Structures are given as C-alpha cells and as structure tokens.
Amino acid sequence: MINDEGVTVDLYIPRKCAWTNKLITAKDHASVQVNVGHLNEEGVYNGQFSTFALTGKVRCMGESDSAIDLLWKKKQAESSA
C-alpha cells in the first residue's frame, strides 16, 4: 500500500518468479534471487546489475540454469534494441 506521501508502507512485498511469473510465497525457502553483473566492452564490471528471482519449483525441476540463461539473453536483446 502507498500512503499519501507516495511512500510504500507494506511490511511484506512478495516477489515474482522471472521465469514462471508466479508469486514467490514467504514459505518458499528454496527460492533464490540472483544479481547478474553488467560488463563493459573490456569485460570489467561497471557497477550495474540485473536481478532475477526464481521459485523453488523451477530449481527443483533443474530448469534454473537454462531459465537464467534465456532471461539474460532476453534482457540483452531488449537493451541493445
């Protein structure tokens, strides 16, 4: 919820899985949030990153590696266009 000053006052803001687009519940202890660093042309970290959250179900199925790979490729395609 946002108050009159425009400040978020919720105690808990649920995350969404970047791959399945489903809510990650508070009891999903197998879920992860990964920050992927951005590199410049020389291969040096430039201080920016992209965040991807994955549910425990995706990790349990063994799909997290391919999910992060495809999400990162999609993010690169969006930024270069």
N, C-alpha and C. Protein backbone atom coordinates (compact mmCIF):
# COMPACT_ATOMS: atom_id res chain seq x y z
N MET A 1 0.84 -1.16 0.00
CA MET A 1 0.00 0.00 0.00
C MET A 1 0.90 1.24 0.00
N ILE A 2 0.46 2.28 -0.65
CA ILE A 2 1.19 3.54 -0.72
C ILE A 2 0.40 4.61 0.01
N ASN A 3 1.07 5.33 0.91
CA ASN A 3 0.37 6.38 1.68
C ASN A 3 0.25 7.67 0.88
N ASP A 4 -0.24 8.72 1.50
CA ASP A 4 -0.49 10.00 0.81
C ASP A 4 0.79 10.65 0.30
N GLU A 5 1.93 10.39 0.96
CA GLU A 5 3.20 10.97 0.54
C GLU A 5 3.87 10.18 -0.58
N GLY A 6 3.29 9.05 -0.97
CA GLY A 6 3.86 8.23 -2.03
C GLY A 6 4.89 7.23 -1.55
N VAL A 7 4.93 6.96 -0.24
CA VAL A 7 5.89 6.03 0.33
C VAL A 7 5.22 4.67 0.51
N THR A 8 5.92 3.59 0.13
CA THR A 8 5.39 2.25 0.32
C THR A 8 5.45 1.89 1.80
N VAL A 9 4.33 1.47 2.37
CA VAL A 9 4.25 1.18 3.80
C VAL A 9 3.92 -0.27 4.09
N ASP A 10 3.97 -1.14 3.10
CA ASP A 10 3.69 -2.55 3.33
C ASP A 10 4.85 -3.19 4.06
N LEU A 11 4.53 -4.15 4.93
CA LEU A 11 5.57 -4.86 5.65
C LEU A 11 6.19 -5.96 4.80
N TYR A 12 5.43 -6.53 3.90
CA TYR A 12 5.91 -7.63 3.07
C TYR A 12 5.49 -7.39 1.64
N ILE A 13 6.45 -7.31 0.73
CA ILE A 13 6.16 -7.16 -0.69
C ILE A 13 6.60 -8.44 -1.38
N PRO A 14 5.65 -9.25 -1.87
CA PRO A 14 6.03 -10.53 -2.48
C PRO A 14 6.78 -10.34 -3.80
N ARG A 15 7.68 -11.28 -4.07
CA ARG A 15 8.43 -11.27 -5.32
C ARG A 15 7.73 -12.17 -6.33
N LYS A 16 8.03 -11.97 -7.61
CA LYS A 16 7.50 -12.83 -8.66
C LYS A 16 8.65 -13.53 -9.33
N CYS A 17 8.42 -14.77 -9.71
CA CYS A 17 9.42 -15.54 -10.42
C CYS A 17 9.59 -14.94 -11.82
N ALA A 18 10.83 -14.72 -12.21
CA ALA A 18 11.10 -14.13 -13.52
C ALA A 18 10.81 -15.11 -14.65
N TRP A 19 10.82 -16.41 -14.36
CA TRP A 19 10.63 -17.42 -15.39
C TRP A 19 9.16 -17.81 -15.53
N THR A 20 8.47 -18.11 -14.41
CA THR A 20 7.09 -18.57 -14.47
C THR A 20 6.08 -17.45 -14.25
N ASN A 21 6.55 -16.30 -13.77
CA ASN A 21 5.70 -15.14 -13.48
C ASN A 21 4.70 -15.42 -12.36
N LYS A 22 5.00 -16.37 -11.48
CA LYS A 22 4.15 -16.67 -10.33
C LYS A 22 4.73 -16.04 -9.09
N LEU A 23 3.87 -15.78 -8.11
CA LEU A 23 4.33 -15.19 -6.86
C LEU A 23 5.20 -16.17 -6.09
N ILE A 24 6.23 -15.65 -5.46
CA ILE A 24 7.08 -16.46 -4.58
C ILE A 24 6.57 -16.22 -3.17
N THR A 25 6.06 -17.27 -2.55
CA THR A 25 5.47 -17.14 -1.22
C THR A 25 6.56 -17.02 -0.16
N ALA A 26 6.16 -16.60 1.02
CA ALA A 26 7.11 -16.46 2.13
C ALA A 26 7.62 -17.82 2.60
N LYS A 27 6.89 -18.87 2.35
CA LYS A 27 7.28 -20.21 2.80
C LYS A 27 8.12 -20.96 1.76
N ASP A 28 8.39 -20.36 0.63
CA ASP A 28 9.21 -20.99 -0.40
C ASP A 28 10.68 -20.75 -0.06
N HIS A 29 11.24 -21.62 0.77
CA HIS A 29 12.60 -21.45 1.24
C HIS A 29 13.65 -21.90 0.23
N ALA A 30 13.21 -22.49 -0.88
CA ALA A 30 14.15 -22.92 -1.92
C ALA A 30 14.29 -21.88 -3.02
N SER A 31 13.55 -20.79 -2.94
CA SER A 31 13.64 -19.75 -3.97
C SER A 31 14.93 -18.95 -3.81
N VAL A 32 15.39 -18.40 -4.93
CA VAL A 32 16.61 -17.60 -4.92
C VAL A 32 16.40 -16.31 -5.69
N GLN A 33 17.24 -15.34 -5.39
CA GLN A 33 17.28 -14.10 -6.15
C GLN A 33 18.72 -13.90 -6.56
N VAL A 34 18.96 -13.79 -7.88
CA VAL A 34 20.31 -13.73 -8.42
C VAL A 34 20.52 -12.36 -9.07
N ASN A 35 21.62 -11.72 -8.73
CA ASN A 35 22.03 -10.47 -9.38
C ASN A 35 23.11 -10.79 -10.39
N VAL A 36 22.86 -10.46 -11.67
CA VAL A 36 23.82 -10.69 -12.74
C VAL A 36 24.47 -9.36 -13.08
N GLY A 37 25.79 -9.28 -12.93
CA GLY A 37 26.51 -8.04 -13.15
C GLY A 37 26.67 -7.72 -14.62
N HIS A 38 26.64 -6.44 -14.95
CA HIS A 38 26.85 -5.97 -16.32
C HIS A 38 28.32 -5.64 -16.51
N LEU A 39 28.84 -5.97 -17.69
CA LEU A 39 30.24 -5.71 -18.01
C LEU A 39 30.33 -4.70 -19.14
N ASN A 40 31.43 -3.95 -19.17
CA ASN A 40 31.65 -3.03 -20.28
C ASN A 40 32.35 -3.79 -21.42
N GLU A 41 32.76 -3.08 -22.44
CA GLU A 41 33.37 -3.72 -23.62
C GLU A 41 34.69 -4.42 -23.28
N GLU A 42 35.35 -3.97 -22.22
CA GLU A 42 36.63 -4.56 -21.83
C GLU A 42 36.46 -5.74 -20.87
N GLY A 43 35.23 -6.05 -20.50
CA GLY A 43 34.97 -7.17 -19.61
C GLY A 43 35.10 -6.82 -18.14
N VAL A 44 35.00 -5.54 -17.80
CA VAL A 44 35.11 -5.08 -16.42
C VAL A 44 33.72 -4.72 -15.90
N TYR A 45 33.44 -5.13 -14.67
CA TYR A 45 32.15 -4.83 -14.05
C TYR A 45 31.97 -3.32 -13.93
N ASN A 46 30.79 -2.82 -14.37
CA ASN A 46 30.56 -1.38 -14.39
C ASN A 46 29.65 -0.87 -13.27
N GLY A 47 29.32 -1.71 -12.31
CA GLY A 47 28.51 -1.28 -11.18
C GLY A 47 27.01 -1.48 -11.35
N GLN A 48 26.57 -1.92 -12.51
CA GLN A 48 25.15 -2.17 -12.75
C GLN A 48 24.89 -3.67 -12.69
N PHE A 49 23.64 -4.03 -12.40
CA PHE A 49 23.26 -5.44 -12.38
C PHE A 49 21.78 -5.60 -12.68
N SER A 50 21.41 -6.81 -13.09
CA SER A 50 20.01 -7.17 -13.31
C SER A 50 19.64 -8.25 -12.30
N THR A 51 18.45 -8.18 -11.76
CA THR A 51 18.01 -9.10 -10.72
C THR A 51 16.98 -10.07 -11.28
N PHE A 52 17.18 -11.35 -11.02
CA PHE A 52 16.24 -12.39 -11.42
C PHE A 52 15.89 -13.22 -10.20
N ALA A 53 14.59 -13.41 -9.95
CA ALA A 53 14.11 -14.23 -8.85
C ALA A 53 13.51 -15.51 -9.42
N LEU A 54 13.84 -16.65 -8.83
CA LEU A 54 13.33 -17.95 -9.29
C LEU A 54 12.71 -18.71 -8.13
N THR A 55 11.60 -19.38 -8.40
CA THR A 55 10.92 -20.16 -7.36
C THR A 55 11.67 -21.45 -7.09
N GLY A 56 11.36 -22.05 -5.96
CA GLY A 56 11.96 -23.32 -5.61
C GLY A 56 11.54 -24.43 -6.56
N LYS A 57 10.34 -24.33 -7.12
CA LYS A 57 9.87 -25.36 -8.05
C LYS A 57 10.72 -25.39 -9.31
N VAL A 58 11.08 -24.23 -9.82
CA VAL A 58 11.93 -24.15 -11.01
C VAL A 58 13.29 -24.77 -10.70
N ARG A 59 13.82 -24.48 -9.52
CA ARG A 59 15.11 -25.03 -9.12
C ARG A 59 15.02 -26.53 -8.92
N CYS A 60 13.91 -27.01 -8.36
CA CYS A 60 13.73 -28.45 -8.11
C CYS A 60 13.65 -29.23 -9.42
N MET A 61 13.06 -28.62 -10.45
CA MET A 61 12.95 -29.29 -11.75
C MET A 61 14.27 -29.26 -12.51
N GLY A 62 15.25 -28.50 -12.03
CA GLY A 62 16.53 -28.41 -12.70
C GLY A 62 16.52 -27.46 -13.87
N GLU A 63 15.59 -26.53 -13.90
CA GLU A 63 15.44 -25.60 -15.01
C GLU A 63 16.04 -24.23 -14.74
N SER A 64 16.61 -24.03 -13.56
CA SER A 64 17.07 -22.68 -13.20
C SER A 64 18.25 -22.23 -14.06
N ASP A 65 19.13 -23.14 -14.44
CA ASP A 65 20.28 -22.78 -15.26
C ASP A 65 19.84 -22.27 -16.63
N SER A 66 18.97 -23.01 -17.28
CA SER A 66 18.50 -22.58 -18.60
C SER A 66 17.59 -21.36 -18.49
N ALA A 67 16.84 -21.24 -17.38
CA ALA A 67 15.96 -20.09 -17.19
C ALA A 67 16.77 -18.81 -17.08
N ILE A 68 17.82 -18.82 -16.28
CA ILE A 68 18.65 -17.62 -16.13
C ILE A 68 19.34 -17.29 -17.44
N ASP A 69 19.81 -18.31 -18.15
CA ASP A 69 20.48 -18.09 -19.44
C ASP A 69 19.53 -17.42 -20.44
N LEU A 70 18.32 -17.93 -20.57
CA LEU A 70 17.37 -17.36 -21.53
C LEU A 70 16.86 -15.99 -21.09
N LEU A 71 16.67 -15.80 -19.77
CA LEU A 71 16.25 -14.49 -19.28
C LEU A 71 17.33 -13.45 -19.54
N TRP A 72 18.59 -13.83 -19.38
CA TRP A 72 19.69 -12.89 -19.61
C TRP A 72 19.80 -12.55 -21.10
N LYS A 73 19.63 -13.54 -21.97
CA LYS A 73 19.66 -13.28 -23.41
C LYS A 73 18.52 -12.34 -23.81
N LYS A 74 17.34 -12.55 -23.22
CA LYS A 74 16.20 -11.69 -23.50
C LYS A 74 16.47 -10.26 -23.02
N LYS A 75 17.08 -10.12 -21.85
CA LYS A 75 17.41 -8.81 -21.30
C LYS A 75 18.44 -8.10 -22.18
N GLN A 76 19.44 -8.83 -22.70
CA GLN A 76 20.44 -8.24 -23.58
C GLN A 76 19.81 -7.78 -24.89
N ALA A 77 18.89 -8.57 -25.44
CA ALA A 77 18.23 -8.21 -26.68
C ALA A 77 17.38 -6.94 -26.50
N GLU A 78 16.73 -6.80 -25.34
CA GLU A 78 15.92 -5.61 -25.08
C GLU A 78 16.78 -4.37 -24.93
N SER A 79 17.94 -4.52 -24.30
CA SER A 79 18.79 -3.34 -24.07
C SER A 79 19.51 -2.90 -25.34
N SER A 80 19.80 -3.84 -26.24
CA SER A 80 20.52 -3.46 -27.47
C SER A 80 19.58 -2.89 -28.54
N ALA A 81 18.28 -3.17 -28.41
CA ALA A 81 17.33 -2.68 -29.41
C ALA A 81 16.92 -1.25 -29.18
